[in-house]
Amino acid sequence: MNHQAWLLKIQLAGVVALAVFASWALTSPAQAQKMRYANGTAYWDVDPGPIDPGSYWTSGLYKYDPNGYLERNWRDADQLHEMTVYADHAGKQNCVFRKRVPISTWDFQHPYLRVCRKPPKD
């Protein structure tokens, strides 16, 4: 009889944990912030507000190195990091900055991505 009570308690705890997890999953940041993908790069499709995109953008380097080849590390096994991707976005301008979904160390070091609807004329 004692074992049946413990089994019932464990089952109840499992049901409660499942309900808590399901409610958390329905309100997760990925759903709330609309995660998008373009060219294999994940980003949040919301306006990040005032940002400091870094010297790559503010120095004008992106005009001469649009794919960010100069920002890459030869020791990095994954060399397919894009600095500009082309996709539809919620912004009003042709090109907007979006926050990357940090997956690797490179994404943490380069937190912003430029998303353009069509190639910029700059």
PDB file of N, CA and C in Angstrom:
ATOM      1  N   MET A   1       0.814  -1.191   0.000  1.00  0.00           N
ATOM      2  CA  MET A   1       0.000   0.000   0.000  1.00  0.00           C
ATOM      3  C   MET A   1       0.864   1.264   0.000  1.00  0.00           C
ATOM      4  N   ASN A   2       1.951   1.211   0.749  1.00  0.00           N
ATOM      5  CA  ASN A   2       2.851   2.353   0.838  1.00  0.00           C
ATOM      6  C   ASN A   2       3.482   2.661  -0.514  1.00  0.00           C
ATOM      7  N   HIS A   3       3.807   1.597  -1.274  1.00  0.00           N
ATOM      8  CA  HIS A   3       4.411   1.790  -2.594  1.00  0.00           C
ATOM      9  C   HIS A   3       3.439   2.450  -3.573  1.00  0.00           C
ATOM     10  N   GLN A   4       2.171   2.107  -3.458  1.00  0.00           N
ATOM     11  CA  GLN A   4       1.176   2.707  -4.344  1.00  0.00           C
ATOM     12  C   GLN A   4       1.026   4.202  -4.069  1.00  0.00           C
ATOM     13  N   ALA A   5       1.124   4.590  -2.817  1.00  0.00           N
ATOM     14  CA  ALA A   5       1.039   6.016  -2.476  1.00  0.00           C
ATOM     15  C   ALA A   5       2.221   6.781  -3.069  1.00  0.00           C
ATOM     16  N   TRP A   6       3.400   6.184  -2.976  1.00  0.00           N
ATOM     17  CA  TRP A   6       4.577   6.849  -3.546  1.00  0.00           C
ATOM     18  C   TRP A   6       4.473   6.940  -5.066  1.00  0.00           C
ATOM     19  N   LEU A   7       3.999   5.893  -5.698  1.00  0.00           N
ATOM     20  CA  LEU A   7       3.827   5.921  -7.151  1.00  0.00           C
ATOM     21  C   LEU A   7       2.831   7.005  -7.560  1.00  0.00           C
ATOM     22  N   LEU A   8       1.765   7.142  -6.806  1.00  0.00           N
ATOM     23  CA  LEU A   8       0.773   8.174  -7.091  1.00  0.00           C
ATOM     24  C   LEU A   8       1.383   9.574  -6.945  1.00  0.00           C
ATOM     25  N   LYS A   9       2.195   9.758  -5.896  1.00  0.00           N
ATOM     26  CA  LYS A   9       2.856  11.055  -5.690  1.00  0.00           C
ATOM     27  C   LYS A   9       3.834  11.369  -6.818  1.00  0.00           C
ATOM     28  N   ILE A  10       4.571  10.364  -7.239  1.00  0.00           N
ATOM     29  CA  ILE A  10       5.530  10.569  -8.336  1.00  0.00           C
ATOM     30  C   ILE A  10       4.791  10.904  -9.626  1.00  0.00           C
ATOM     31  N   GLN A  11       3.714  10.224  -9.899  1.00  0.00           N
ATOM     32  CA  GLN A  11       2.925  10.508 -11.100  1.00  0.00           C
ATOM     33  C   GLN A  11       2.345  11.908 -11.045  1.00  0.00           C
ATOM     34  N   LEU A  12       1.848  12.314  -9.894  1.00  0.00           N
ATOM     35  CA  LEU A  12       1.299  13.666  -9.731  1.00  0.00           C
ATOM     36  C   LEU A  12       2.385  14.720  -9.937  1.00  0.00           C
ATOM     37  N   ALA A  13       3.569  14.474  -9.387  1.00  0.00           N
ATOM     38  CA  ALA A  13       4.680  15.412  -9.555  1.00  0.00           C
ATOM     39  C   ALA A  13       5.066  15.515 -11.032  1.00  0.00           C
ATOM     40  N   GLY A  14       5.016  14.378 -11.728  1.00  0.00           N
ATOM     41  CA  GLY A  14       5.319  14.391 -13.159  1.00  0.00           C
ATOM     42  C   GLY A  14       4.305  15.192 -13.951  1.00  0.00           C
ATOM     43  N   VAL A  15       3.042  15.052 -13.610  1.00  0.00           N
ATOM     44  CA  VAL A  15       1.986  15.797 -14.302  1.00  0.00           C
ATOM     45  C   VAL A  15       2.138  17.296 -14.041  1.00  0.00           C
ATOM     46  N   VAL A  16       2.430  17.669 -12.795  1.00  0.00           N
ATOM     47  CA  VAL A  16       2.630  19.085 -12.464  1.00  0.00           C
ATOM     48  C   VAL A  16       3.840  19.639 -13.209  1.00  0.00           C
ATOM     49  N   ALA A  17       4.943  18.871 -13.223  1.00  0.00           N
ATOM     50  CA  ALA A  17       6.144  19.320 -13.938  1.00  0.00           C
ATOM     51  C   ALA A  17       5.864  19.476 -15.427  1.00  0.00           C
ATOM     52  N   LEU A  18       5.121  18.569 -16.000  1.00  0.00           N
ATOM     53  CA  LEU A  18       4.768  18.649 -17.419  1.00  0.00           C
ATOM     54  C   LEU A  18       3.908  19.879 -17.700  1.00  0.00           C
ATOM     55  N   ALA A  19       2.974  20.177 -16.819  1.00  0.00           N
ATOM     56  CA  ALA A  19       2.117  21.352 -16.998  1.00  0.00           C
ATOM     57  C   ALA A  19       2.935  22.643 -16.896  1.00  0.00           C
ATOM     58  N   VAL A  20       3.869  22.690 -15.957  1.00  0.00           N
ATOM     59  CA  VAL A  20       4.725  23.873 -15.816  1.00  0.00           C
ATOM     60  C   VAL A  20       5.599  24.037 -17.057  1.00  0.00           C
ATOM     61  N   PHE A  21       6.189  22.939 -17.533  1.00  0.00           N
ATOM     62  CA  PHE A  21       7.031  22.998 -18.725  1.00  0.00           C
ATOM     63  C   PHE A  21       6.225  23.430 -19.946  1.00  0.00           C
ATOM     64  N   ALA A  22       5.008  22.913 -20.096  1.00  0.00           N
ATOM     65  CA  ALA A  22       4.172  23.274 -21.250  1.00  0.00           C
ATOM     66  C   ALA A  22       3.810  24.751 -21.215  1.00  0.00           C
ATOM     67  N   SER A  23       3.498  25.283 -20.038  1.00  0.00           N
ATOM     68  CA  SER A  23       3.169  26.710 -19.965  1.00  0.00           C
ATOM     69  C   SER A  23       4.388  27.565 -20.238  1.00  0.00           C
ATOM     70  N   TRP A  24       5.566  27.107 -19.815  1.00  0.00           N
ATOM     71  CA  TRP A  24       6.796  27.843 -20.102  1.00  0.00           C
ATOM     72  C   TRP A  24       7.106  27.806 -21.598  1.00  0.00           C
ATOM     73  N   ALA A  25       6.915  26.651 -22.215  1.00  0.00           N
ATOM     74  CA  ALA A  25       7.218  26.507 -23.638  1.00  0.00           C
ATOM     75  C   ALA A  25       6.312  27.385 -24.494  1.00  0.00           C
ATOM     76  N   LEU A  26       5.070  27.566 -24.085  1.00  0.00           N
ATOM     77  CA  LEU A  26       4.146  28.384 -24.870  1.00  0.00           C
ATOM     78  C   LEU A  26       4.479  29.869 -24.793  1.00  0.00           C
ATOM     79  N   THR A  27       5.168  30.276 -23.747  1.00  0.00           N
ATOM     80  CA  THR A  27       5.545  31.688 -23.604  1.00  0.00           C
ATOM     81  C   THR A  27       7.050  31.861 -23.714  1.00  0.00           C
ATOM     82  N   SER A  28       7.717  31.006 -24.443  1.00  0.00           N
ATOM     83  CA  SER A  28       9.174  31.066 -24.551  1.00  0.00           C
ATOM     84  C   SER A  28       9.598  32.288 -25.357  1.00  0.00           C
ATOM     85  N   PRO A  29      10.840  32.751 -25.169  1.00  0.00           N
ATOM     86  CA  PRO A  29      11.325  33.907 -25.916  1.00  0.00           C
ATOM     87  C   PRO A  29      11.283  33.702 -27.434  1.00  0.00           C
ATOM     88  N   ALA A  30      11.460  32.465 -27.890  1.00  0.00           N
ATOM     89  CA  ALA A  30      11.452  32.220 -29.331  1.00  0.00           C
ATOM     90  C   ALA A  30      10.103  32.566 -29.943  1.00  0.00           C
ATOM     91  N   GLN A  31       9.018  32.280 -29.221  1.00  0.00           N
ATOM     92  CA  GLN A  31       7.704  32.622 -29.752  1.00  0.00           C
ATOM     93  C   GLN A  31       7.414  34.096 -29.550  1.00  0.00           C
ATOM     94  N   ALA A  32       7.799  34.634 -28.413  1.00  0.00           N
ATOM     95  CA  ALA A  32       7.485  36.028 -28.111  1.00  0.00           C
ATOM     96  C   ALA A  32       8.259  36.987 -29.007  1.00  0.00           C
ATOM     97  N   GLN A  33       9.476  36.634 -29.383  1.00  0.00           N
ATOM     98  CA  GLN A  33      10.313  37.547 -30.141  1.00  0.00           C
ATOM     99  C   GLN A  33      10.422  37.192 -31.622  1.00  0.00           C
ATOM    100  N   LYS A  34       9.749  36.188 -32.069  1.00  0.00           N
ATOM    101  CA  LYS A  34       9.721  35.828 -33.488  1.00  0.00           C
ATOM    102  C   LYS A  34      11.121  35.553 -34.045  1.00  0.00           C
ATOM    103  N   MET A  35      11.646  34.391 -33.734  1.00  0.00           N
ATOM    104  CA  MET A  35      12.944  33.997 -34.256  1.00  0.00           C
ATOM    105  C   MET A  35      12.800  33.679 -35.737  1.00  0.00           C
ATOM    106  N   ARG A  36      13.733  34.178 -36.545  1.00  0.00           N
ATOM    107  CA  ARG A  36      13.732  33.953 -38.002  1.00  0.00           C
ATOM    108  C   ARG A  36      15.065  33.355 -38.432  1.00  0.00           C
ATOM    109  N   TYR A  37      15.068  32.798 -39.637  1.00  0.00           N
ATOM    110  CA  TYR A  37      16.276  32.243 -40.230  1.00  0.00           C
ATOM    111  C   TYR A  37      16.455  32.817 -41.627  1.00  0.00           C
ATOM    112  N   ALA A  38      17.695  33.144 -41.971  1.00  0.00           N
ATOM    113  CA  ALA A  38      18.043  33.560 -43.332  1.00  0.00           C
ATOM    114  C   ALA A  38      19.467  33.104 -43.606  1.00  0.00           C
ATOM    115  N   ASN A  39      19.662  32.385 -44.687  1.00  0.00           N
ATOM    116  CA  ASN A  39      20.975  31.869 -45.080  1.00  0.00           C
ATOM    117  C   ASN A  39      21.631  31.073 -43.949  1.00  0.00           C
ATOM    118  N   GLY A  40      20.841  30.344 -43.178  1.00  0.00           N
ATOM    119  CA  GLY A  40      21.388  29.541 -42.100  1.00  0.00           C
ATOM    120  C   GLY A  40      21.719  30.322 -40.840  1.00  0.00           C
ATOM    121  N   THR A  41      21.348  31.589 -40.788  1.00  0.00           N
ATOM    122  CA  THR A  41      21.627  32.432 -39.631  1.00  0.00           C
ATOM    123  C   THR A  41      20.326  32.715 -38.893  1.00  0.00           C
ATOM    124  N   ALA A  42      20.320  32.473 -37.599  1.00  0.00           N
ATOM    125  CA  ALA A  42      19.128  32.709 -36.779  1.00  0.00           C
ATOM    126  C   ALA A  42      19.219  34.090 -36.140  1.00  0.00           C
ATOM    127  N   TYR A  43      18.093  34.812 -36.147  1.00  0.00           N
ATOM    128  CA  TYR A  43      18.049  36.139 -35.529  1.00  0.00           C
ATOM    129  C   TYR A  43      16.643  36.409 -35.022  1.00  0.00           C
ATOM    130  N   TRP A  44      16.538  37.385 -34.107  1.00  0.00           N
ATOM    131  CA  TRP A  44      15.240  37.800 -33.568  1.00  0.00           C
ATOM    132  C   TRP A  44      14.699  38.911 -34.438  1.00  0.00           C
ATOM    133  N   ASP A  45      13.487  38.789 -34.930  1.00  0.00           N
ATOM    134  CA  ASP A  45      12.900  39.801 -35.813  1.00  0.00           C
ATOM    135  C   ASP A  45      12.129  40.842 -35.002  1.00  0.00           C
ATOM    136  N   VAL A  46      12.842  41.527 -34.131  1.00  0.00           N
ATOM    137  CA  VAL A  46      12.291  42.649 -33.374  1.00  0.00           C
ATOM    138  C   VAL A  46      13.346  43.756 -33.385  1.00  0.00           C
ATOM    139  N   ASP A  47      12.912  44.980 -33.237  1.00  0.00           N
ATOM    140  CA  ASP A  47      13.829  46.109 -33.213  1.00  0.00           C
ATOM    141  C   ASP A  47      14.639  46.052 -31.923  1.00  0.00           C
ATOM    142  N   PRO A  48      15.972  45.949 -32.009  1.00  0.00           N
ATOM    143  CA  PRO A  48      16.764  45.856 -30.790  1.00  0.00           C
ATOM    144  C   PRO A  48      16.918  47.181 -30.055  1.00  0.00           C
ATOM    145  N   GLY A  49      16.383  48.250 -30.619  1.00  0.00           N
ATOM    146  CA  GLY A  49      16.513  49.554 -29.975  1.00  0.00           C
ATOM    147  C   GLY A  49      17.872  50.163 -30.269  1.00  0.00           C
ATOM    148  N   PRO A  50      18.301  51.142 -29.488  1.00  0.00           N
ATOM    149  CA  PRO A  50      19.616  51.749 -29.715  1.00  0.00           C
ATOM    150  C   PRO A  50      20.716  50.707 -29.529  1.00  0.00           C
ATOM    151  N   ILE A  51      21.584  50.580 -30.520  1.00  0.00           N
ATOM    152  CA  ILE A  51      22.644  49.568 -30.451  1.00  0.00           C
ATOM    153  C   ILE A  51      23.980  50.182 -30.816  1.00  0.00           C
ATOM    154  N   ASP A  52      25.036  49.492 -30.466  1.00  0.00           N
ATOM    155  CA  ASP A  52      26.384  49.801 -30.932  1.00  0.00           C
ATOM    156  C   ASP A  52      26.799  48.605 -31.770  1.00  0.00           C
ATOM    157  N   PRO A  53      26.621  48.665 -33.081  1.00  0.00           N
ATOM    158  CA  PRO A  53      26.872  47.485 -33.907  1.00  0.00           C
ATOM    159  C   PRO A  53      28.345  47.102 -34.015  1.00  0.00           C
ATOM    160  N   GLY A  54      29.249  47.964 -33.569  1.00  0.00           N
ATOM    161  CA  GLY A  54      30.666  47.631 -33.599  1.00  0.00           C
ATOM    162  C   GLY A  54      31.401  48.307 -34.736  1.00  0.00           C
ATOM    163  N   SER A  55      32.714  48.176 -34.688  1.00  0.00           N
ATOM    164  CA  SER A  55      33.565  48.883 -35.653  1.00  0.00           C
ATOM    165  C   SER A  55      33.385  48.369 -37.075  1.00  0.00           C
ATOM    166  N   TYR A  56      32.960  47.120 -37.240  1.00  0.00           N
ATOM    167  CA  TYR A  56      32.773  46.579 -38.584  1.00  0.00           C
ATOM    168  C   TYR A  56      31.785  47.433 -39.374  1.00  0.00           C
ATOM    169  N   TRP A  57      30.705  47.877 -38.721  1.00  0.00           N
ATOM    170  CA  TRP A  57      29.682  48.663 -39.396  1.00  0.00           C
ATOM    171  C   TRP A  57      30.000  50.151 -39.384  1.00  0.00           C
ATOM    172  N   THR A  58      30.449  50.665 -38.255  1.00  0.00           N
ATOM    173  CA  THR A  58      30.642  52.109 -38.134  1.00  0.00           C
ATOM    174  C   THR A  58      31.856  52.599 -38.907  1.00  0.00           C
ATOM    175  N   SER A  59      32.828  51.736 -39.181  1.00  0.00           N
ATOM    176  CA  SER A  59      34.006  52.147 -39.951  1.00  0.00           C
ATOM    177  C   SER A  59      33.749  52.127 -41.450  1.00  0.00           C
ATOM    178  N   GLY A  60      32.619  51.576 -41.885  1.00  0.00           N
ATOM    179  CA  GLY A  60      32.321  51.475 -43.308  1.00  0.00           C
ATOM    180  C   GLY A  60      32.919  50.242 -43.947  1.00  0.00           C
ATOM    181  N   LEU A  61      33.470  49.352 -43.140  1.00  0.00           N
ATOM    182  CA  LEU A  61      34.115  48.156 -43.671  1.00  0.00           C
ATOM    183  C   LEU A  61      33.138  47.259 -44.412  1.00  0.00           C
ATOM    184  N   TYR A  62      31.862  47.272 -44.000  1.00  0.00           N
ATOM    185  CA  TYR A  62      30.880  46.393 -44.646  1.00  0.00           C
ATOM    186  C   TYR A  62      30.728  46.703 -46.131  1.00  0.00           C
ATOM    187  N   LYS A  63      31.066  47.938 -46.567  1.00  0.00           N
ATOM    188  CA  LYS A  63      30.956  48.288 -47.986  1.00  0.00           C
ATOM    189  C   LYS A  63      31.958  47.505 -48.823  1.00  0.00           C
ATOM    190  N   TYR A  64      33.092  47.173 -48.223  1.00  0.00           N
ATOM    191  CA  TYR A  64      34.146  46.481 -48.968  1.00  0.00           C
ATOM    192  C   TYR A  64      34.219  44.996 -48.629  1.00  0.00           C
ATOM    193  N   ASP A  65      33.593  44.597 -47.527  1.00  0.00           N
ATOM    194  CA  ASP A  65      33.631  43.218 -47.064  1.00  0.00           C
ATOM    195  C   ASP A  65      32.230  42.816 -46.594  1.00  0.00           C
ATOM    196  N   PRO A  66      31.242  42.743 -47.503  1.00  0.00           N
ATOM    197  CA  PRO A  66      29.852  42.540 -47.087  1.00  0.00           C
ATOM    198  C   PRO A  66      29.602  41.201 -46.392  1.00  0.00           C
ATOM    199  N   ASN A  67      30.427  40.192 -46.632  1.00  0.00           N
ATOM    200  CA  ASN A  67      30.222  38.893 -46.005  1.00  0.00           C
ATOM    201  C   ASN A  67      31.014  38.718 -44.719  1.00  0.00           C
ATOM    202  N   GLY A  68      31.815  39.697 -44.341  1.00  0.00           N
ATOM    203  CA  GLY A  68      32.545  39.626 -43.083  1.00  0.00           C
ATOM    204  C   GLY A  68      33.737  38.703 -43.104  1.00  0.00           C
ATOM    205  N   TYR A  69      34.394  38.543 -44.256  1.00  0.00           N
ATOM    206  CA  TYR A  69      35.553  37.658 -44.331  1.00  0.00           C
ATOM    207  C   TYR A  69      36.689  38.126 -43.424  1.00  0.00           C
ATOM    208  N   LEU A  70      36.837  39.434 -43.262  1.00  0.00           N
ATOM    209  CA  LEU A  70      37.906  39.939 -42.413  1.00  0.00           C
ATOM    210  C   LEU A  70      37.622  39.708 -40.932  1.00  0.00           C
ATOM    211  N   GLU A  71      36.384  39.398 -40.592  1.00  0.00           N
ATOM    212  CA  GLU A  71      36.010  39.156 -39.202  1.00  0.00           C
ATOM    213  C   GLU A  71      36.159  37.685 -38.818  1.00  0.00           C
ATOM    214  N   ARG A  72      36.584  36.846 -39.731  1.00  0.00           N
ATOM    215  CA  ARG A  72      36.625  35.411 -39.463  1.00  0.00           C
ATOM    216  C   ARG A  72      37.958  34.979 -38.895  1.00  0.00           C
ATOM    217  N   ASN A  73      37.913  33.886 -38.167  1.00  0.00           N
ATOM    218  CA  ASN A  73      39.093  33.318 -37.532  1.00  0.00           C
ATOM    219  C   ASN A  73      39.445  32.026 -38.263  1.00  0.00           C
ATOM    220  N   TRP A  74      40.689  31.874 -38.692  1.00  0.00           N
ATOM    221  CA  TRP A  74      41.068  30.683 -39.455  1.00  0.00           C
ATOM    222  C   TRP A  74      40.972  29.413 -38.623  1.00  0.00           C
ATOM    223  N   ARG A  75      40.988  29.537 -37.290  1.00  0.00           N
ATOM    224  CA  ARG A  75      40.878  28.362 -36.427  1.00  0.00           C
ATOM    225  C   ARG A  75      39.430  27.926 -36.230  1.00  0.00           C
ATOM    226  N   ASP A  76      38.490  28.753 -36.632  1.00  0.00           N
ATOM    227  CA  ASP A  76      37.072  28.431 -36.477  1.00  0.00           C
ATOM    228  C   ASP A  76      36.672  27.411 -37.541  1.00  0.00           C
ATOM    229  N   ALA A  77      36.131  26.291 -37.081  1.00  0.00           N
ATOM    230  CA  ALA A  77      35.736  25.238 -38.031  1.00  0.00           C
ATOM    231  C   ALA A  77      34.572  25.683 -38.904  1.00  0.00           C
ATOM    232  N   ASP A  78      33.680  26.507 -38.363  1.00  0.00           N
ATOM    233  CA  ASP A  78      32.522  26.978 -39.115  1.00  0.00           C
ATOM    234  C   ASP A  78      32.825  28.362 -39.676  1.00  0.00           C
ATOM    235  N   GLN A  79      33.104  28.443 -40.950  1.00  0.00           N
ATOM    236  CA  GLN A  79      33.464  29.712 -41.576  1.00  0.00           C
ATOM    237  C   GLN A  79      32.281  30.358 -42.299  1.00  0.00           C
ATOM    238  N   LEU A  80      31.094  29.868 -42.103  1.00  0.00           N
ATOM    239  CA  LEU A  80      29.936  30.371 -42.829  1.00  0.00           C
ATOM    240  C   LEU A  80      29.138  31.377 -42.007  1.00  0.00           C
ATOM    241  N   HIS A  81      29.796  32.416 -41.543  1.00  0.00           N
ATOM    242  CA  HIS A  81      29.119  33.451 -40.765  1.00  0.00           C
ATOM    243  C   HIS A  81      28.807  34.628 -41.677  1.00  0.00           C
ATOM    244  N   GLU A  82      27.565  35.010 -41.725  1.00  0.00           N
ATOM    245  CA  GLU A  82      27.146  36.140 -42.554  1.00  0.00           C
ATOM    246  C   GLU A  82      27.000  37.383 -41.681  1.00  0.00           C
ATOM    247  N   MET A  83      27.391  38.524 -42.207  1.00  0.00           N
ATOM    248  CA  MET A  83      27.187  39.789 -41.512  1.00  0.00           C
ATOM    249  C   MET A  83      25.940  40.481 -42.054  1.00  0.00           C
ATOM    250  N   THR A  84      25.601  40.210 -43.323  1.00  0.00           N
ATOM    251  CA  THR A  84      24.394  40.748 -43.957  1.00  0.00           C
ATOM    252  C   THR A  84      23.636  39.596 -44.591  1.00  0.00           C
ATOM    253  N   VAL A  85      22.349  39.508 -44.314  1.00  0.00           N
ATOM    254  CA  VAL A  85      21.505  38.499 -44.958  1.00  0.00           C
ATOM    255  C   VAL A  85      20.346  39.220 -45.636  1.00  0.00           C
ATOM    256  N   TYR A  86      19.742  38.568 -46.603  1.00  0.00           N
ATOM    257  CA  TYR A  86      18.630  39.154 -47.352  1.00  0.00           C
ATOM    258  C   TYR A  86      17.365  38.375 -47.053  1.00  0.00           C
ATOM    259  N   ALA A  87      16.422  39.061 -46.419  1.00  0.00           N
ATOM    260  CA  ALA A  87      15.150  38.449 -46.041  1.00  0.00           C
ATOM    261  C   ALA A  87      14.160  39.554 -45.721  1.00  0.00           C
ATOM    262  N   ASP A  88      12.897  39.196 -45.687  1.00  0.00           N
ATOM    263  CA  ASP A  88      11.877  40.160 -45.295  1.00  0.00           C
ATOM    264  C   ASP A  88      11.974  40.376 -43.790  1.00  0.00           C
ATOM    265  N   HIS A  89      11.656  41.581 -43.349  1.00  0.00           N
ATOM    266  CA  HIS A  89      11.710  41.891 -41.924  1.00  0.00           C
ATOM    267  C   HIS A  89      10.610  42.884 -41.581  1.00  0.00           C
ATOM    268  N   ALA A  90      10.427  43.119 -40.285  1.00  0.00           N
ATOM    269  CA  ALA A  90       9.343  43.964 -39.806  1.00  0.00           C
ATOM    270  C   ALA A  90       9.697  45.455 -39.808  1.00  0.00           C
ATOM    271  N   GLY A  91      10.929  45.801 -40.124  1.00  0.00           N
ATOM    272  CA  GLY A  91      11.346  47.209 -40.099  1.00  0.00           C
ATOM    273  C   GLY A  91      10.844  47.991 -41.300  1.00  0.00           C
ATOM    274  N   LYS A  92      10.919  49.328 -41.203  1.00  0.00           N
ATOM    275  CA  LYS A  92      10.463  50.191 -42.298  1.00  0.00           C
ATOM    276  C   LYS A  92      11.541  50.389 -43.356  1.00  0.00           C
ATOM    277  N   GLN A  93      12.807  50.444 -42.949  1.00  0.00           N
ATOM    278  CA  GLN A  93      13.898  50.669 -43.886  1.00  0.00           C
ATOM    279  C   GLN A  93      14.233  49.391 -44.655  1.00  0.00           C
ATOM    280  N   ASN A  94      15.023  49.554 -45.717  1.00  0.00           N
ATOM    281  CA  ASN A  94      15.468  48.396 -46.486  1.00  0.00           C
ATOM    282  C   ASN A  94      16.369  47.506 -45.636  1.00  0.00           C
ATOM    283  N   CYS A  95      17.304  48.097 -44.907  1.00  0.00           N
ATOM    284  CA  CYS A  95      18.236  47.346 -44.069  1.00  0.00           C
ATOM    285  C   CYS A  95      18.064  47.746 -42.609  1.00  0.00           C
ATOM    286  N   VAL A  96      17.980  46.756 -41.747  1.00  0.00           N
ATOM    287  CA  VAL A  96      17.848  46.995 -40.305  1.00  0.00           C
ATOM    288  C   VAL A  96      18.809  46.067 -39.572  1.00  0.00           C
ATOM    289  N   PHE A  97      19.171  46.443 -38.356  1.00  0.00           N
ATOM    290  CA  PHE A  97      19.984  45.585 -37.507  1.00  0.00           C
ATOM    291  C   PHE A  97      19.076  44.729 -36.645  1.00  0.00           C
ATOM    292  N   ARG A  98      19.467  43.492 -36.483  1.00  0.00           N
ATOM    293  CA  ARG A  98      18.749  42.554 -35.630  1.00  0.00           C
ATOM    294  C   ARG A  98      19.762  41.827 -34.754  1.00  0.00           C
ATOM    295  N   LYS A  99      19.298  41.357 -33.606  1.00  0.00           N
ATOM    296  CA  LYS A  99      20.166  40.586 -32.715  1.00  0.00           C
ATOM    297  C   LYS A  99      20.213  39.144 -33.197  1.00  0.00           C
ATOM    298  N   ARG A 100      21.419  38.598 -33.220  1.00  0.00           N
ATOM    299  CA  ARG A 100      21.579  37.185 -33.561  1.00  0.00           C
ATOM    300  C   ARG A 100      21.095  36.310 -32.416  1.00  0.00           C
ATOM    301  N   VAL A 101      20.702  35.103 -32.750  1.00  0.00           N
ATOM    302  CA  VAL A 101      20.456  34.092 -31.727  1.00  0.00           C
ATOM    303  C   VAL A 101      21.826  33.486 -31.443  1.00  0.00           C
ATOM    304  N   PRO A 102      22.355  33.686 -30.230  1.00  0.00           N
ATOM    305  CA  PRO A 102      23.719  33.206 -29.957  1.00  0.00           C
ATOM    306  C   PRO A 102      23.775  31.688 -29.868  1.00  0.00           C
ATOM    307  N   ILE A 103      24.460  31.085 -30.825  1.00  0.00           N
ATOM    308  CA  ILE A 103      24.612  29.637 -30.867  1.00  0.00           C
ATOM    309  C   ILE A 103      26.061  29.256 -30.614  1.00  0.00           C
ATOM    310  N   SER A 104      26.978  30.034 -31.179  1.00  0.00           N
ATOM    311  CA  SER A 104      28.398  29.739 -31.026  1.00  0.00           C
ATOM    312  C   SER A 104      29.108  30.937 -30.389  1.00  0.00           C
ATOM    313  N   THR A 105      30.382  30.772 -30.118  1.00  0.00           N
ATOM    314  CA  THR A 105      31.184  31.862 -29.562  1.00  0.00           C
ATOM    315  C   THR A 105      31.240  33.028 -30.539  1.00  0.00           C
ATOM    316  N   TRP A 106      31.284  32.727 -31.826  1.00  0.00           N
ATOM    317  CA  TRP A 106      31.331  33.779 -32.836  1.00  0.00           C
ATOM    318  C   TRP A 106      30.073  34.642 -32.764  1.00  0.00           C
ATOM    319  N   ASP A 107      28.934  34.024 -32.545  1.00  0.00           N
ATOM    320  CA  ASP A 107      27.679  34.768 -32.435  1.00  0.00           C
ATOM    321  C   ASP A 107      27.677  35.679 -31.210  1.00  0.00           C
ATOM    322  N   PHE A 108      28.289  35.241 -30.116  1.00  0.00           N
ATOM    323  CA  PHE A 108      28.395  36.094 -28.932  1.00  0.00           C
ATOM    324  C   PHE A 108      29.305  37.285 -29.206  1.00  0.00           C
ATOM    325  N   GLN A 109      30.357  37.066 -29.978  1.00  0.00           N
ATOM    326  CA  GLN A 109      31.300  38.135 -30.274  1.00  0.00           C
ATOM    327  C   GLN A 109      30.765  39.104 -31.326  1.00  0.00           C
ATOM    328  N   HIS A 110      29.820  38.672 -32.143  1.00  0.00           N
ATOM    329  CA  HIS A 110      29.206  39.499 -33.185  1.00  0.00           C
ATOM    330  C   HIS A 110      27.690  39.446 -32.999  1.00  0.00           C
ATOM    331  N   PRO A 111      27.155  40.178 -32.017  1.00  0.00           N
ATOM    332  CA  PRO A 111      25.744  40.007 -31.641  1.00  0.00           C
ATOM    333  C   PRO A 111      24.744  40.585 -32.631  1.00  0.00           C
ATOM    334  N   TYR A 112      25.175  41.421 -33.581  1.00  0.00           N
ATOM    335  CA  TYR A 112      24.219  42.064 -34.480  1.00  0.00           C
ATOM    336  C   TYR A 112      24.416  41.616 -35.913  1.00  0.00           C
ATOM    337  N   LEU A 113      23.317  41.556 -36.614  1.00  0.00           N
ATOM    338  CA  LEU A 113      23.268  41.127 -38.005  1.00  0.00           C
ATOM    339  C   LEU A 113      22.481  42.176 -38.775  1.00  0.00           C
ATOM    340  N   ARG A 114      22.903  42.465 -39.978  1.00  0.00           N
ATOM    341  CA  ARG A 114      22.141  43.401 -40.809  1.00  0.00           C
ATOM    342  C   ARG A 114      21.249  42.590 -41.735  1.00  0.00           C
ATOM    343  N   VAL A 115      19.953  42.875 -41.691  1.00  0.00           N
ATOM    344  CA  VAL A 115      18.959  42.170 -42.517  1.00  0.00           C
ATOM    345  C   VAL A 115      18.427  43.170 -43.535  1.00  0.00           C
ATOM    346  N   CYS A 116      18.581  42.842 -44.813  1.00  0.00           N
ATOM    347  CA  CYS A 116      18.136  43.733 -45.896  1.00  0.00           C
ATOM    348  C   CYS A 116      17.101  43.012 -46.758  1.00  0.00           C
ATOM    349  N   ARG A 117      16.150  43.785 -47.264  1.00  0.00           N
ATOM    350  CA  ARG A 117      15.173  43.198 -48.193  1.00  0.00           C
ATOM    351  C   ARG A 117      15.784  42.995 -49.573  1.00  0.00           C
ATOM    352  N   LYS A 118      16.585  43.948 -50.002  1.00  0.00           N
ATOM    353  CA  LYS A 118      17.290  43.843 -51.287  1.00  0.00           C
ATOM    354  C   LYS A 118      18.671  44.439 -51.101  1.00  0.00           C
ATOM    355  N   PRO A 119      19.612  44.135 -51.989  1.00  0.00           N
ATOM    356  CA  PRO A 119      20.978  44.643 -51.806  1.00  0.00           C
ATOM    357  C   PRO A 119      20.996  46.164 -51.664  1.00  0.00           C
ATOM    358  N   PRO A 120      21.726  46.669 -50.661  1.00  0.00           N
ATOM    359  CA  PRO A 120      21.781  48.123 -50.459  1.00  0.00           C
ATOM    360  C   PRO A 120      22.601  48.807 -51.543  1.00  0.00           C
ATOM    361  N   LYS A 121      22.329  50.077 -51.746  1.00  0.00           N
ATOM    362  CA  LYS A 121      23.036  50.853 -52.769  1.00  0.00           C
ATOM    363  C   LYS A 121      24.088  51.751 -52.139  1.00  0.00           C
ATOM    364  N   ASP A 122      24.710  51.276 -51.046  1.00  0.00           N
ATOM    365  CA  ASP A 122      25.696  52.133 -50.384  1.00  0.00           C
ATOM    366  C   ASP A 122      27.101  51.728 -50.663  1.00  0.00           C
TER     367      ASP A 122
END
